[in-house]
Protein backbone atom coordinates (compact mmCIF):
# COMPACT_ATOMS: atom_id res chain seq x y z
CA MET A 1 0.79 67.28 73.37
CA THR A 2 -0.83 65.10 70.73
CA PHE A 3 -1.09 65.98 67.06
CA GLU A 4 -1.72 64.31 63.74
CA ALA A 5 0.30 64.76 60.56
CA LYS A 6 -0.20 62.83 57.34
CA PHE A 7 2.63 61.76 55.06
CA GLN A 8 2.45 59.85 51.80
CA HIS A 9 6.06 58.69 51.91
CA PHE A 10 7.98 57.06 54.73
CA GLY A 11 11.07 59.10 53.80
CA ASP A 12 9.21 62.33 54.54
CA LEU A 13 8.02 60.87 57.85
CA GLY A 14 11.59 59.91 58.73
CA ARG A 15 12.92 63.39 58.06
CA PHE A 16 10.11 65.00 60.07
CA ALA A 17 10.55 62.57 62.99
CA THR A 18 14.31 63.16 62.94
CA THR A 19 13.74 66.89 63.23
CA LEU A 20 11.38 66.40 66.15
CA THR A 21 13.58 63.96 68.04
CA THR A 22 16.61 66.22 67.77
CA THR A 23 14.69 69.22 69.14
CA PRO A 24 15.30 69.90 72.85
CA PHE A 25 12.48 68.78 75.17
CA VAL A 26 10.69 66.87 72.38
CA SER A 27 10.21 63.13 72.11
CA ILE A 28 7.92 60.94 70.03
CA SER A 29 5.89 58.30 71.84
CA LEU A 30 3.86 56.78 69.01
CA ILE A 31 3.61 56.80 65.23
CA ASP A 32 0.69 55.11 63.43
CA TRP A 33 0.45 54.41 59.75
CA ARG A 34 -2.50 53.49 57.55
CA LEU A 35 -3.01 52.72 53.91
CA THR A 36 -4.40 55.54 51.82
CA ASP A 37 -7.94 55.07 50.53
CA LYS A 38 -6.58 54.80 46.99
CA THR A 39 -4.06 52.09 47.94
CA ARG A 40 -6.64 50.18 50.00
CA ALA A 41 -9.10 50.24 47.06
CA SER A 42 -6.42 49.10 44.62
CA LEU A 43 -5.35 46.23 46.88
CA SER A 44 -8.97 45.18 47.43
CA THR A 45 -9.58 45.05 43.67
CA GLU A 46 -6.42 43.03 43.10
CA ILE A 47 -7.14 40.53 45.88
CA ARG A 48 -10.72 39.96 44.65
CA ARG A 49 -9.41 39.30 41.13
CA MET A 50 -6.84 36.86 42.51
CA ALA A 51 -9.50 35.05 44.59
CA ILE A 52 -11.67 34.52 41.50
CA GLU A 53 -8.70 33.36 39.42
CA ASP A 54 -7.82 30.86 42.15
CA ALA A 55 -11.40 29.55 42.28
CA VAL A 56 -11.44 29.12 38.49
CA LYS A 57 -8.11 27.26 38.55
CA LYS A 58 -9.36 24.92 41.27
CA ALA A 59 -12.58 24.27 39.34
CA GLN A 60 -10.54 23.48 36.22
CA ASP A 61 -8.36 21.08 38.23
CA PHE A 62 -11.43 19.31 39.61
CA GLY A 63 -13.08 19.23 36.17
CA ASN A 64 -9.96 17.80 34.55
CA ALA A 65 -9.75 15.09 37.22
CA LEU A 66 -13.36 14.17 36.41
CA GLY A 67 -12.76 14.20 32.66
CA ARG A 68 -14.78 17.38 32.19
CA ARG A 69 -13.12 20.03 30.06
CA HIS A 70 -15.79 22.71 29.83
CA ILE A 71 -16.14 24.60 33.15
CA VAL A 72 -18.54 27.57 33.42
CA ALA A 73 -19.05 29.80 36.47
CA THR A 74 -22.77 30.22 37.18
CA GLU A 75 -22.70 32.22 40.42
CA VAL A 76 -20.16 34.31 42.32
CA SER A 77 -20.47 35.80 45.78
CA SER A 78 -18.04 37.34 48.20
CA ILE A 79 -17.83 35.90 51.69
CA GLY A 80 -17.25 38.62 54.26
CA GLY A 81 -16.22 41.24 51.70
CA GLY A 82 -12.49 40.85 52.38
CA THR A 83 -10.64 41.28 55.63
CA TYR A 84 -7.33 42.90 56.41
CA GLY A 85 -4.72 41.33 58.63
CA ASN A 86 -4.70 44.72 60.30
CA PRO A 87 -8.28 46.01 59.85
CA TYR A 88 -7.66 49.54 58.71
CA ALA A 89 -10.41 51.01 60.87
CA THR A 90 -8.73 50.03 64.12
CA ALA A 91 -5.33 48.49 63.64
CA SER A 92 -2.48 50.46 62.29
CA PRO A 93 1.07 49.26 62.76
CA ARG A 94 2.56 51.21 65.59
CA ILE A 95 6.12 52.35 65.93
CA GLN A 96 7.02 53.07 69.52
CA ILE A 97 9.70 55.69 70.10
CA ARG A 98 10.14 56.55 73.75
CA SER A 99 12.45 59.34 74.85
CA TYR A 100 14.23 58.89 71.58
CA ARG A 101 17.22 61.09 70.84
CA ARG A 102 19.43 60.98 67.81
CA GLU A 103 22.43 62.95 66.80
CA PRO A 104 21.38 65.45 64.11
CA GLN A 105 23.34 63.66 61.35
CA GLU A 106 21.43 60.36 61.84
CA GLU A 107 18.08 60.28 60.09
CA LEU A 108 15.29 57.97 61.24
CA ASN A 109 14.28 55.45 58.61
CA PHE A 110 10.79 53.89 58.66
CA GLU A 111 9.72 50.92 56.58
CA PRO A 112 6.11 49.80 56.17
CA GLU A 113 5.07 46.46 57.58
CA ASP A 114 3.43 43.87 55.35
CA VAL A 115 -0.31 44.17 55.09
CA ALA A 116 -2.28 40.92 54.94
CA ILE A 117 -5.55 41.00 53.04
CA ASN A 118 -7.85 37.99 52.87
CA CYS A 119 -10.75 37.59 50.47
CA SER A 120 -13.02 34.59 50.26
CA VAL A 121 -15.32 33.95 47.35
CA GLU A 122 -17.91 31.31 46.73
CA VAL A 123 -18.20 30.35 43.09
CA LYS A 124 -20.58 27.78 41.65
CA PHE A 125 -19.48 26.05 38.46
CA VAL A 126 -21.07 23.72 35.96
CA ALA A 127 -18.74 21.11 34.48
CA GLU A 128 -19.68 19.56 31.13
């Protein structure tokens, strides 16, 4: 049997999975996790801000090396719109549990994997 259940906290998932794996004739073969839409949006905003800040810092470094102190961004564009190390539409970290049995007093503990997000921006600057 296949079913889908959504949890916001890994602790809740662990308790639920523990209950299932300690039930006779029940085993878990696969658990997927994904970022919530709210978390994904928040991370995307943060990574775009960081990409722009990095571009500005690099432009200031180049300007300073050239003796130019006044750096102004004239154009900003996103390249590719940001990509995820695990694109959330298809890749979700998988936890394989095959014929897994635990004693009732041992609770399963799940930890999220790191999520890699890349964002490229192209920024044109004028240095005076």
